[in-house]
Every structure is written in structure tokens, then in C-alpha cells.
PDB file of N, CA and C in Angstrom:
ATOM      1  N   MET A   1       8.548  -1.929  42.836  1.00  0.00           N
ATOM      2  CA  MET A   1       7.448  -1.330  42.109  1.00  0.00           C
ATOM      3  C   MET A   1       7.958  -0.366  41.039  1.00  0.00           C
ATOM      4  N   LYS A   2       8.965   0.472  41.397  1.00  0.00           N
ATOM      5  CA  LYS A   2       9.525   1.411  40.430  1.00  0.00           C
ATOM      6  C   LYS A   2      10.190   0.681  39.270  1.00  0.00           C
ATOM      7  N   LYS A   3      10.818  -0.433  39.591  1.00  0.00           N
ATOM      8  CA  LYS A   3      11.495  -1.210  38.552  1.00  0.00           C
ATOM      9  C   LYS A   3      10.469  -1.765  37.562  1.00  0.00           C
ATOM     10  N   LEU A   4       9.357  -2.281  38.066  1.00  0.00           N
ATOM     11  CA  LEU A   4       8.291  -2.809  37.216  1.00  0.00           C
ATOM     12  C   LEU A   4       7.700  -1.712  36.339  1.00  0.00           C
ATOM     13  N   LEU A   5       7.458  -0.557  36.913  1.00  0.00           N
ATOM     14  CA  LEU A   5       6.918   0.575  36.157  1.00  0.00           C
ATOM     15  C   LEU A   5       7.885   0.996  35.055  1.00  0.00           C
ATOM     16  N   GLY A   6       9.174   1.018  35.354  1.00  0.00           N
ATOM     17  CA  GLY A   6      10.190   1.367  34.357  1.00  0.00           C
ATOM     18  C   GLY A   6      10.221   0.382  33.211  1.00  0.00           C
ATOM     19  N   ILE A   7      10.086  -0.892  33.493  1.00  0.00           N
ATOM     20  CA  ILE A   7      10.071  -1.928  32.460  1.00  0.00           C
ATOM     21  C   ILE A   7       8.838  -1.777  31.571  1.00  0.00           C
ATOM     22  N   VAL A   8       7.688  -1.516  32.168  1.00  0.00           N
ATOM     23  CA  VAL A   8       6.445  -1.346  31.405  1.00  0.00           C
ATOM     24  C   VAL A   8       6.551  -0.130  30.479  1.00  0.00           C
ATOM     25  N   VAL A   9       7.027   0.993  31.003  1.00  0.00           N
ATOM     26  CA  VAL A   9       7.157   2.212  30.189  1.00  0.00           C
ATOM     27  C   VAL A   9       8.151   1.986  29.058  1.00  0.00           C
ATOM     28  N   LEU A  10       9.276   1.378  29.324  1.00  0.00           N
ATOM     29  CA  LEU A  10      10.276   1.088  28.300  1.00  0.00           C
ATOM     30  C   LEU A  10       9.691   0.171  27.230  1.00  0.00           C
ATOM     31  N   GLY A  11       8.964  -0.836  27.649  1.00  0.00           N
ATOM     32  CA  GLY A  11       8.334  -1.751  26.693  1.00  0.00           C
ATOM     33  C   GLY A  11       7.346  -1.052  25.791  1.00  0.00           C
ATOM     34  N   LEU A  12       6.540  -0.155  26.347  1.00  0.00           N
ATOM     35  CA  LEU A  12       5.582   0.595  25.546  1.00  0.00           C
ATOM     36  C   LEU A  12       6.278   1.501  24.538  1.00  0.00           C
ATOM     37  N   LEU A  13       7.331   2.156  24.957  1.00  0.00           N
ATOM     38  CA  LEU A  13       8.071   3.037  24.057  1.00  0.00           C
ATOM     39  C   LEU A  13       8.699   2.258  22.907  1.00  0.00           C
ATOM     40  N   LEU A  14       9.290   1.139  23.206  1.00  0.00           N
ATOM     41  CA  LEU A  14       9.946   0.351  22.175  1.00  0.00           C
ATOM     42  C   LEU A  14       8.947  -0.288  21.213  1.00  0.00           C
ATOM     43  N   SER A  15       7.844  -0.774  21.716  1.00  0.00           N
ATOM     44  CA  SER A  15       6.895  -1.473  20.847  1.00  0.00           C
ATOM     45  C   SER A  15       6.099  -0.518  19.973  1.00  0.00           C
ATOM     46  N   SER A  16       5.772   0.667  20.442  1.00  0.00           N
ATOM     47  CA  SER A  16       4.932   1.562  19.666  1.00  0.00           C
ATOM     48  C   SER A  16       5.701   2.327  18.604  1.00  0.00           C
ATOM     49  N   ASN A  17       7.008   2.496  18.758  1.00  0.00           N
ATOM     50  CA  ASN A  17       7.782   3.280  17.808  1.00  0.00           C
ATOM     51  C   ASN A  17       8.810   2.453  17.048  1.00  0.00           C
ATOM     52  N   ALA A  18       8.713   1.152  17.111  1.00  0.00           N
ATOM     53  CA  ALA A  18       9.703   0.318  16.458  1.00  0.00           C
ATOM     54  C   ALA A  18       9.615   0.433  14.939  1.00  0.00           C
ATOM     55  N   TYR A  19       8.431   0.535  14.396  1.00  0.00           N
ATOM     56  CA  TYR A  19       8.245   0.624  12.958  1.00  0.00           C
ATOM     57  C   TYR A  19       7.237   1.720  12.642  1.00  0.00           C
ATOM     58  N   ALA A  20       7.466   2.392  11.540  1.00  0.00           N
ATOM     59  CA  ALA A  20       6.498   3.380  11.075  1.00  0.00           C
ATOM     60  C   ALA A  20       5.441   2.660  10.250  1.00  0.00           C
ATOM     61  N   ASP A  21       4.236   3.106  10.351  1.00  0.00           N
ATOM     62  CA  ASP A  21       3.164   2.604   9.505  1.00  0.00           C
ATOM     63  C   ASP A  21       2.699   3.741   8.617  1.00  0.00           C
ATOM     64  N   TYR A  22       2.301   3.388   7.415  1.00  0.00           N
ATOM     65  CA  TYR A  22       1.772   4.356   6.459  1.00  0.00           C
ATOM     66  C   TYR A  22       0.295   4.026   6.261  1.00  0.00           C
ATOM     67  N   ILE A  23      -0.563   4.966   6.622  1.00  0.00           N
ATOM     68  CA  ILE A  23      -1.998   4.756   6.605  1.00  0.00           C
ATOM     69  C   ILE A  23      -2.579   5.308   5.309  1.00  0.00           C
ATOM     70  N   VAL A  24      -3.342   4.492   4.589  1.00  0.00           N
ATOM     71  CA  VAL A  24      -3.996   4.912   3.354  1.00  0.00           C
ATOM     72  C   VAL A  24      -5.146   5.847   3.720  1.00  0.00           C
ATOM     73  N   THR A  25      -5.175   7.043   3.100  1.00  0.00           N
ATOM     74  CA  THR A  25      -6.223   8.016   3.412  1.00  0.00           C
ATOM     75  C   THR A  25      -7.109   8.328   2.199  1.00  0.00           C
ATOM     76  N   GLY A  26      -6.952   7.602   1.111  1.00  0.00           N
ATOM     77  CA  GLY A  26      -7.758   7.858  -0.083  1.00  0.00           C
ATOM     78  C   GLY A  26      -7.667   6.718  -1.073  1.00  0.00           C
ATOM     79  N   LYS A  27      -7.985   7.008  -2.312  1.00  0.00           N
ATOM     80  CA  LYS A  27      -8.040   6.008  -3.377  1.00  0.00           C
ATOM     81  C   LYS A  27      -6.643   5.528  -3.769  1.00  0.00           C
ATOM     82  N   ILE A  28      -6.501   4.228  -3.965  1.00  0.00           N
ATOM     83  CA  ILE A  28      -5.240   3.644  -4.426  1.00  0.00           C
ATOM     84  C   ILE A  28      -5.300   3.547  -5.944  1.00  0.00           C
ATOM     85  N   THR A  29      -4.265   4.084  -6.596  1.00  0.00           N
ATOM     86  CA  THR A  29      -4.192   4.050  -8.060  1.00  0.00           C
ATOM     87  C   THR A  29      -2.853   3.470  -8.477  1.00  0.00           C
ATOM     88  N   GLY A  30      -2.765   3.095  -9.751  1.00  0.00           N
ATOM     89  CA  GLY A  30      -1.521   2.546 -10.267  1.00  0.00           C
ATOM     90  C   GLY A  30      -1.281   2.995 -11.687  1.00  0.00           C
ATOM     91  N   MET A  31      -0.030   2.879 -12.132  1.00  0.00           N
ATOM     92  CA  MET A  31       0.341   3.221 -13.501  1.00  0.00           C
ATOM     93  C   MET A  31       0.396   1.942 -14.318  1.00  0.00           C
ATOM     94  N   GLU A  32      -0.473   1.854 -15.320  1.00  0.00           N
ATOM     95  CA  GLU A  32      -0.507   0.695 -16.209  1.00  0.00           C
ATOM     96  C   GLU A  32      -0.042   1.148 -17.584  1.00  0.00           C
ATOM     97  N   CYS A  33       0.953   0.456 -18.135  1.00  0.00           N
ATOM     98  CA  CYS A  33       1.504   0.814 -19.444  1.00  0.00           C
ATOM     99  C   CYS A  33       1.367  -0.361 -20.401  1.00  0.00           C
ATOM    100  N   GLY A  34       1.185  -0.028 -21.672  1.00  0.00           N
ATOM    101  CA  GLY A  34       1.102  -1.052 -22.712  1.00  0.00           C
ATOM    102  C   GLY A  34       2.487  -1.560 -23.075  1.00  0.00           C
ATOM    103  N   MET A  35       2.551  -2.223 -24.198  1.00  0.00           N
ATOM    104  CA  MET A  35       3.811  -2.794 -24.682  1.00  0.00           C
ATOM    105  C   MET A  35       4.882  -1.719 -24.817  1.00  0.00           C
ATOM    106  N   LEU A  36       6.064  -1.999 -24.365  1.00  0.00           N
ATOM    107  CA  LEU A  36       7.233  -1.127 -24.461  1.00  0.00           C
ATOM    108  C   LEU A  36       7.040   0.221 -23.784  1.00  0.00           C
ATOM    109  N   GLY A  37       6.099   0.306 -22.840  1.00  0.00           N
ATOM    110  CA  GLY A  37       5.908   1.529 -22.075  1.00  0.00           C
ATOM    111  C   GLY A  37       5.083   2.602 -22.753  1.00  0.00           C
ATOM    112  N   PHE A  38       4.444   2.260 -23.873  1.00  0.00           N
ATOM    113  CA  PHE A  38       3.596   3.232 -24.567  1.00  0.00           C
ATOM    114  C   PHE A  38       2.182   3.186 -24.019  1.00  0.00           C
ATOM    115  N   LYS A  39       1.459   4.279 -24.175  1.00  0.00           N
ATOM    116  CA  LYS A  39       0.065   4.381 -23.754  1.00  0.00           C
ATOM    117  C   LYS A  39      -0.121   4.058 -22.274  1.00  0.00           C
ATOM    118  N   CYS A  40       0.551   4.790 -21.442  1.00  0.00           N
ATOM    119  CA  CYS A  40       0.402   4.607 -20.006  1.00  0.00           C
ATOM    120  C   CYS A  40      -0.847   5.333 -19.516  1.00  0.00           C
ATOM    121  N   LYS A  41      -1.483   4.760 -18.501  1.00  0.00           N
ATOM    122  CA  LYS A  41      -2.660   5.398 -17.919  1.00  0.00           C
ATOM    123  C   LYS A  41      -2.743   5.065 -16.435  1.00  0.00           C
ATOM    124  N   ILE A  42      -3.419   5.965 -15.717  1.00  0.00           N
ATOM    125  CA  ILE A  42      -3.656   5.763 -14.284  1.00  0.00           C
ATOM    126  C   ILE A  42      -4.944   4.954 -14.141  1.00  0.00           C
ATOM    127  N   VAL A  43      -4.884   3.897 -13.341  1.00  0.00           N
ATOM    128  CA  VAL A  43      -6.060   3.053 -13.104  1.00  0.00           C
ATOM    129  C   VAL A  43      -6.279   2.910 -11.603  1.00  0.00           C
ATOM    130  N   ASN A  44      -7.520   2.734 -11.213  1.00  0.00           N
ATOM    131  CA  ASN A  44      -7.826   2.418  -9.814  1.00  0.00           C
ATOM    132  C   ASN A  44      -7.372   1.003  -9.517  1.00  0.00           C
ATOM    133  N   VAL A  45      -6.845   0.806  -8.330  1.00  0.00           N
ATOM    134  CA  VAL A  45      -6.441  -0.532  -7.890  1.00  0.00           C
ATOM    135  C   VAL A  45      -7.328  -0.865  -6.692  1.00  0.00           C
ATOM    136  N   ASP A  46      -8.212  -1.859  -6.898  1.00  0.00           N
ATOM    137  CA  ASP A  46      -9.240  -2.153  -5.905  1.00  0.00           C
ATOM    138  C   ASP A  46      -9.065  -3.471  -5.174  1.00  0.00           C
ATOM    139  N   ALA A  47      -8.282  -4.390  -5.752  1.00  0.00           N
ATOM    140  CA  ALA A  47      -8.174  -5.712  -5.130  1.00  0.00           C
ATOM    141  C   ALA A  47      -6.849  -6.360  -5.497  1.00  0.00           C
ATOM    142  N   VAL A  48      -6.463  -7.339  -4.697  1.00  0.00           N
ATOM    143  CA  VAL A  48      -5.271  -8.139  -4.947  1.00  0.00           C
ATOM    144  C   VAL A  48      -5.684  -9.609  -4.892  1.00  0.00           C
ATOM    145  N   LYS A  49      -5.083 -10.428  -5.739  1.00  0.00           N
ATOM    146  CA  LYS A  49      -5.397 -11.864  -5.740  1.00  0.00           C
ATOM    147  C   LYS A  49      -4.282 -12.621  -5.030  1.00  0.00           C
ATOM    148  N   LYS A  50      -4.688 -13.377  -4.011  1.00  0.00           N
ATOM    149  CA  LYS A  50      -3.755 -14.232  -3.271  1.00  0.00           C
ATOM    150  C   LYS A  50      -4.428 -15.573  -3.052  1.00  0.00           C
ATOM    151  N   ASP A  51      -3.697 -16.619  -3.327  1.00  0.00           N
ATOM    152  CA  ASP A  51      -4.210 -17.981  -3.160  1.00  0.00           C
ATOM    153  C   ASP A  51      -5.524 -18.177  -3.915  1.00  0.00           C
ATOM    154  N   GLY A  52      -5.636 -17.553  -5.096  1.00  0.00           N
ATOM    155  CA  GLY A  52      -6.814 -17.731  -5.940  1.00  0.00           C
ATOM    156  C   GLY A  52      -8.035 -16.924  -5.529  1.00  0.00           C
ATOM    157  N   GLN A  53      -7.918 -16.067  -4.505  1.00  0.00           N
ATOM    158  CA  GLN A  53      -9.056 -15.273  -4.027  1.00  0.00           C
ATOM    159  C   GLN A  53      -8.725 -13.790  -4.104  1.00  0.00           C
ATOM    160  N   LEU A  54      -9.750 -12.975  -4.367  1.00  0.00           N
ATOM    161  CA  LEU A  54      -9.584 -11.523  -4.383  1.00  0.00           C
ATOM    162  C   LEU A  54      -9.799 -10.958  -2.991  1.00  0.00           C
ATOM    163  N   TYR A  55      -8.933 -10.020  -2.613  1.00  0.00           N
ATOM    164  CA  TYR A  55      -9.022  -9.358  -1.319  1.00  0.00           C
ATOM    165  C   TYR A  55      -8.913  -7.851  -1.525  1.00  0.00           C
ATOM    166  N   ASN A  56      -9.545  -7.094  -0.626  1.00  0.00           N
ATOM    167  CA  ASN A  56      -9.358  -5.650  -0.624  1.00  0.00           C
ATOM    168  C   ASN A  56      -7.908  -5.353  -0.288  1.00  0.00           C
ATOM    169  N   LEU A  57      -7.411  -4.235  -0.792  1.00  0.00           N
ATOM    170  CA  LEU A  57      -6.051  -3.829  -0.456  1.00  0.00           C
ATOM    171  C   LEU A  57      -5.993  -3.363   0.994  1.00  0.00           C
ATOM    172  N   SER A  58      -4.821  -3.453   1.545  1.00  0.00           N
ATOM    173  CA  SER A  58      -4.613  -3.065   2.935  1.00  0.00           C
ATOM    174  C   SER A  58      -4.815  -1.566   3.116  1.00  0.00           C
ATOM    175  N   GLY A  59      -5.226  -1.181   4.293  1.00  0.00           N
ATOM    176  CA  GLY A  59      -5.350   0.228   4.636  1.00  0.00           C
ATOM    177  C   GLY A  59      -4.138   0.738   5.397  1.00  0.00           C
ATOM    178  N   ARG A  60      -3.151  -0.157   5.589  1.00  0.00           N
ATOM    179  CA  ARG A  60      -1.948   0.188   6.357  1.00  0.00           C
ATOM    180  C   ARG A  60      -0.781  -0.630   5.810  1.00  0.00           C
ATOM    181  N   TYR A  61       0.343   0.044   5.602  1.00  0.00           N
ATOM    182  CA  TYR A  61       1.549  -0.631   5.117  1.00  0.00           C
ATOM    183  C   TYR A  61       2.719  -0.303   6.039  1.00  0.00           C
ATOM    184  N   GLU A  62       3.498  -1.315   6.390  1.00  0.00           N
ATOM    185  CA  GLU A  62       4.678  -1.107   7.231  1.00  0.00           C
ATOM    186  C   GLU A  62       5.813  -0.477   6.445  1.00  0.00           C
ATOM    187  N   LYS A  63       5.927  -0.835   5.154  1.00  0.00           N
ATOM    188  CA  LYS A  63       7.003  -0.316   4.308  1.00  0.00           C
ATOM    189  C   LYS A  63       6.410   0.209   3.012  1.00  0.00           C
ATOM    190  N   VAL A  64       6.979   1.297   2.515  1.00  0.00           N
ATOM    191  CA  VAL A  64       6.637   1.816   1.191  1.00  0.00           C
ATOM    192  C   VAL A  64       7.944   2.070   0.451  1.00  0.00           C
ATOM    193  N   SER A  65       7.877   2.130  -0.879  1.00  0.00           N
ATOM    194  CA  SER A  65       9.077   2.406  -1.670  1.00  0.00           C
ATOM    195  C   SER A  65       9.491   3.860  -1.543  1.00  0.00           C
ATOM    196  N   GLU A  66       8.489   4.741  -1.466  1.00  0.00           N
ATOM    197  CA  GLU A  66       8.766   6.171  -1.343  1.00  0.00           C
ATOM    198  C   GLU A  66       7.642   6.835  -0.570  1.00  0.00           C
ATOM    199  N   TYR A  67       8.012   7.814   0.237  1.00  0.00           N
ATOM    200  CA  TYR A  67       7.041   8.604   0.990  1.00  0.00           C
ATOM    201  C   TYR A  67       7.389  10.075   0.831  1.00  0.00           C
ATOM    202  N   ASN A  68       6.423  10.881   0.396  1.00  0.00           N
ATOM    203  CA  ASN A  68       6.619  12.317   0.252  1.00  0.00           C
ATOM    204  C   ASN A  68       5.780  13.010   1.320  1.00  0.00           C
ATOM    205  N   LYS A  69       6.451  13.497   2.352  1.00  0.00           N
ATOM    206  CA  LYS A  69       5.754  14.093   3.486  1.00  0.00           C
ATOM    207  C   LYS A  69       5.001  15.356   3.089  1.00  0.00           C
ATOM    208  N   SER A  70       5.584  16.187   2.206  1.00  0.00           N
ATOM    209  CA  SER A  70       4.932  17.448   1.836  1.00  0.00           C
ATOM    210  C   SER A  70       3.657  17.210   1.019  1.00  0.00           C
ATOM    211  N   LYS A  71       3.603  16.101   0.292  1.00  0.00           N
ATOM    212  CA  LYS A  71       2.404  15.775  -0.497  1.00  0.00           C
ATOM    213  C   LYS A  71       1.517  14.748   0.206  1.00  0.00           C
ATOM    214  N   ASN A  72       1.976  14.217   1.344  1.00  0.00           N
ATOM    215  CA  ASN A  72       1.268  13.130   2.028  1.00  0.00           C
ATOM    216  C   ASN A  72       0.909  12.024   1.037  1.00  0.00           C
ATOM    217  N   ARG A  73       1.932  11.518   0.348  1.00  0.00           N
ATOM    218  CA  ARG A  73       1.723  10.517  -0.694  1.00  0.00           C
ATOM    219  C   ARG A  73       2.740   9.394  -0.555  1.00  0.00           C
ATOM    220  N   CYS A  74       2.288   8.158  -0.781  1.00  0.00           N
ATOM    221  CA  CYS A  74       3.136   6.968  -0.731  1.00  0.00           C
ATOM    222  C   CYS A  74       3.137   6.270  -2.090  1.00  0.00           C
ATOM    223  N   TRP A  75       4.257   5.603  -2.391  1.00  0.00           N
ATOM    224  CA  TRP A  75       4.384   4.785  -3.591  1.00  0.00           C
ATOM    225  C   TRP A  75       4.930   3.423  -3.185  1.00  0.00           C
ATOM    226  N   ILE A  76       4.426   2.379  -3.832  1.00  0.00           N
ATOM    227  CA  ILE A  76       4.962   1.031  -3.641  1.00  0.00           C
ATOM    228  C   ILE A  76       5.255   0.470  -5.026  1.00  0.00           C
ATOM    229  N   ASN A  77       6.541   0.246  -5.310  1.00  0.00           N
ATOM    230  CA  ASN A  77       6.952  -0.303  -6.603  1.00  0.00           C
ATOM    231  C   ASN A  77       6.664  -1.795  -6.644  1.00  0.00           C
ATOM    232  N   GLN A  78       6.333  -2.277  -7.832  1.00  0.00           N
ATOM    233  CA  GLN A  78       6.042  -3.690  -8.023  1.00  0.00           C
ATOM    234  C   GLN A  78       7.208  -4.361  -8.724  1.00  0.00           C
ATOM    235  N   GLY A  79       7.594  -5.500  -8.234  1.00  0.00           N
ATOM    236  CA  GLY A  79       8.677  -6.252  -8.851  1.00  0.00           C
ATOM    237  C   GLY A  79       8.146  -7.195  -9.911  1.00  0.00           C
ATOM    238  N   PHE A  80       9.043  -7.949 -10.502  1.00  0.00           N
ATOM    239  CA  PHE A  80       8.683  -8.884 -11.567  1.00  0.00           C
ATOM    240  C   PHE A  80       7.733  -9.969 -11.060  1.00  0.00           C
ATOM    241  N   PHE A  81       7.910 -10.416  -9.836  1.00  0.00           N
ATOM    242  CA  PHE A  81       7.091 -11.489  -9.275  1.00  0.00           C
ATOM    243  C   PHE A  81       6.093 -10.962  -8.246  1.00  0.00           C
ATOM    244  N   SER A  82       5.482  -9.826  -8.538  1.00  0.00           N
ATOM    245  CA  SER A  82       4.546  -9.225  -7.583  1.00  0.00           C
ATOM    246  C   SER A  82       3.182  -9.919  -7.665  1.00  0.00           C
ATOM    247  N   ASP A  83       2.321  -9.560  -6.739  1.00  0.00           N
ATOM    248  CA  ASP A  83       0.961 -10.091  -6.724  1.00  0.00           C
ATOM    249  C   ASP A  83       0.189  -9.587  -7.932  1.00  0.00           C
ATOM    250  N   ASP A  84      -0.969 -10.192  -8.190  1.00  0.00           N
ATOM    251  CA  ASP A  84      -1.865  -9.745  -9.257  1.00  0.00           C
ATOM    252  C   ASP A  84      -2.855  -8.749  -8.681  1.00  0.00           C
ATOM    253  N   TYR A  85      -2.991  -7.601  -9.355  1.00  0.00           N
ATOM    254  CA  TYR A  85      -3.878  -6.542  -8.897  1.00  0.00           C
ATOM    255  C   TYR A  85      -5.036  -6.373  -9.874  1.00  0.00           C
ATOM    256  N   TYR A  86      -6.167  -5.894  -9.338  1.00  0.00           N
ATOM    257  CA  TYR A  86      -7.393  -5.799 -10.127  1.00  0.00           C
ATOM    258  C   TYR A  86      -8.084  -4.460  -9.906  1.00  0.00           C
ATOM    259  N   THR A  87      -8.777  -4.009 -10.950  1.00  0.00           N
ATOM    260  CA  THR A  87      -9.608  -2.827 -10.852  1.00  0.00           C
ATOM    261  C   THR A  87     -11.064  -3.267 -10.974  1.00  0.00           C
ATOM    262  N   LYS A  88     -11.938  -2.626 -10.227  1.00  0.00           N
ATOM    263  CA  LYS A  88     -13.357  -2.963 -10.268  1.00  0.00           C
ATOM    264  C   LYS A  88     -14.017  -2.165 -11.390  1.00  0.00           C
ATOM    265  N   GLN A  89     -14.686  -2.872 -12.277  1.00  0.00           N
ATOM    266  CA  GLN A  89     -15.353  -2.237 -13.405  1.00  0.00           C
ATOM    267  C   GLN A  89     -16.766  -1.795 -13.019  1.00  0.00           C
ATOM    268  N   GLU A  90     -17.379  -0.992 -13.885  1.00  0.00           N
ATOM    269  CA  GLU A  90     -18.709  -0.449 -13.591  1.00  0.00           C
ATOM    270  C   GLU A  90     -19.758  -1.527 -13.366  1.00  0.00           C
ATOM    271  N   ASP A  91     -19.612  -2.676 -14.037  1.00  0.00           N
ATOM    272  CA  ASP A  91     -20.599  -3.747 -13.881  1.00  0.00           C
ATOM    273  C   ASP A  91     -20.346  -4.618 -12.648  1.00  0.00           C
ATOM    274  N   GLY A  92     -19.327  -4.270 -11.858  1.00  0.00           N
ATOM    275  CA  GLY A  92     -19.048  -5.001 -10.622  1.00  0.00           C
ATOM    276  C   GLY A  92     -18.026  -6.113 -10.769  1.00  0.00           C
ATOM    277  N   THR A  93     -17.625  -6.417 -11.991  1.00  0.00           N
ATOM    278  CA  THR A  93     -16.606  -7.444 -12.199  1.00  0.00           C
ATOM    279  C   THR A  93     -15.218  -6.832 -12.034  1.00  0.00           C
ATOM    280  N   TYR A  94     -14.233  -7.696 -11.882  1.00  0.00           N
ATOM    281  CA  TYR A  94     -12.856  -7.238 -11.702  1.00  0.00           C
ATOM    282  C   TYR A  94     -12.022  -7.576 -12.932  1.00  0.00           C
ATOM    283  N   LYS A  95     -11.163  -6.644 -13.300  1.00  0.00           N
ATOM    284  CA  LYS A  95     -10.276  -6.818 -14.446  1.00  0.00           C
ATOM    285  C   LYS A  95      -8.841  -6.702 -13.948  1.00  0.00           C
ATOM    286  N   LYS A  96      -8.001  -7.651 -14.359  1.00  0.00           N
ATOM    287  CA  LYS A  96      -6.598  -7.635 -13.955  1.00  0.00           C
ATOM    288  C   LYS A  96      -5.892  -6.435 -14.591  1.00  0.00           C
ATOM    289  N   VAL A  97      -5.062  -5.765 -13.811  1.00  0.00           N
ATOM    290  CA  VAL A  97      -4.260  -4.657 -14.315  1.00  0.00           C
ATOM    291  C   VAL A  97      -2.786  -4.971 -14.082  1.00  0.00           C
ATOM    292  N   ASP A  98      -1.967  -4.594 -15.029  1.00  0.00           N
ATOM    293  CA  ASP A  98      -0.535  -4.841 -14.953  1.00  0.00           C
ATOM    294  C   ASP A  98       0.138  -3.524 -14.592  1.00  0.00           C
ATOM    295  N   ILE A  99       0.338  -3.296 -13.309  1.00  0.00           N
ATOM    296  CA  ILE A  99       0.850  -2.007 -12.848  1.00  0.00           C
ATOM    297  C   ILE A  99       2.337  -2.088 -12.501  1.00  0.00           C
ATOM    298  N   GLU A 100       3.023  -0.973 -12.716  1.00  0.00           N
ATOM    299  CA  GLU A 100       4.438  -0.871 -12.363  1.00  0.00           C
ATOM    300  C   GLU A 100       4.603  -0.452 -10.911  1.00  0.00           C
ATOM    301  N   TYR A 101       3.662   0.314 -10.416  1.00  0.00           N
ATOM    302  CA  TYR A 101       3.659   0.753  -9.026  1.00  0.00           C
ATOM    303  C   TYR A 101       2.240   1.127  -8.660  1.00  0.00           C
ATOM    304  N   PHE A 102       1.964   1.227  -7.371  1.00  0.00           N
ATOM    305  CA  PHE A 102       0.724   1.860  -6.969  1.00  0.00           C
ATOM    306  C   PHE A 102       1.025   2.958  -5.975  1.00  0.00           C
ATOM    307  N   THR A 103       0.124   3.924  -5.919  1.00  0.00           N
ATOM    308  CA  THR A 103       0.320   5.116  -5.103  1.00  0.00           C
ATOM    309  C   THR A 103      -0.989   5.490  -4.428  1.00  0.00           C
ATOM    310  N   PHE A 104      -0.869   6.178  -3.310  1.00  0.00           N
ATOM    311  CA  PHE A 104      -2.073   6.545  -2.558  1.00  0.00           C
ATOM    312  C   PHE A 104      -1.741   7.694  -1.620  1.00  0.00           C
ATOM    313  N   PRO A 105      -2.767   8.500  -1.308  1.00  0.00           N
ATOM    314  CA  PRO A 105      -2.566   9.511  -0.276  1.00  0.00           C
ATOM    315  C   PRO A 105      -2.388   8.787   1.067  1.00  0.00           C
ATOM    316  N   CYS A 106      -1.451   9.269   1.876  1.00  0.00           N
ATOM    317  CA  CYS A 106      -1.160   8.558   3.115  1.00  0.00           C
ATOM    318  C   CYS A 106      -0.652   9.515   4.184  1.00  0.00           C
ATOM    319  N   ILE A 107      -0.657   9.007   5.389  1.00  0.00           N
ATOM    320  CA  ILE A 107      -0.008   9.684   6.499  1.00  0.00           C
ATOM    321  C   ILE A 107       0.941   8.682   7.165  1.00  0.00           C
ATOM    322  N   LYS A 108       2.043   9.188   7.640  1.00  0.00           N
ATOM    323  CA  LYS A 108       3.007   8.344   8.357  1.00  0.00           C
ATOM    324  C   LYS A 108       2.658   8.388   9.822  1.00  0.00           C
ATOM    325  N   GLN A 109       2.519   7.233  10.413  1.00  0.00           N
ATOM    326  CA  GLN A 109       2.126   7.161  11.815  1.00  0.00           C
ATOM    327  C   GLN A 109       3.243   6.561  12.650  1.00  0.00           C
TER     328      GLN A 109
END
């Protein structure tokens, strides 16, 4: 019985702390820049397109590019072959945004 209890406790410890998760606690924004990096602006990032469909962004990420504990802020850099991201316009339609990274208030769990 003690051996079984030890295995269960060990399993719980290993599975719950194996990876850190970063929980989104506010609005996700991104930096969108024009040609040659001029006229950069912060835009809301509301959706991602995968397999031809728009989806809400995740509320939890296993990995981030940078985490600042004192600011409770996360950044995820976008590569050359990243997904397509969209901002929701006032009329309810979505407009594609070309972001270099996105950032959001977060907590590390």
C-alpha cells in the first residue's frame, strides 16, 4: 500500500510541474510595422487563421519567447513562416495584421 501511495504522489509531482504554463490575463497586442520598419504601431491581435478558419487565440501557452516576472508580461516572437494573425475591426470583420511579435499580460503557472 505504501509503495502504491509513493508511486501516485511521485506521478502527481512529476506531471504537474513538468512544464510551466503562461496564462493570458488581458488583451493580446502585437507590433505591426510598415515597409523597412517605418511607421510601427501596436494593434490588437484577436484571431489566428489555421487550415483556412479563424480561431480565437489561446489563453494558455506552454512556451514564450520572453517572460518578465516583475511586469507579469509575456512576448512571443513570430518567425518568417508563422501563422496569419487578425485584428477585429469595429464593423465585426477581421483584418490581417503582419506582426513581428505579440505580447500580453500573463502569469506563470
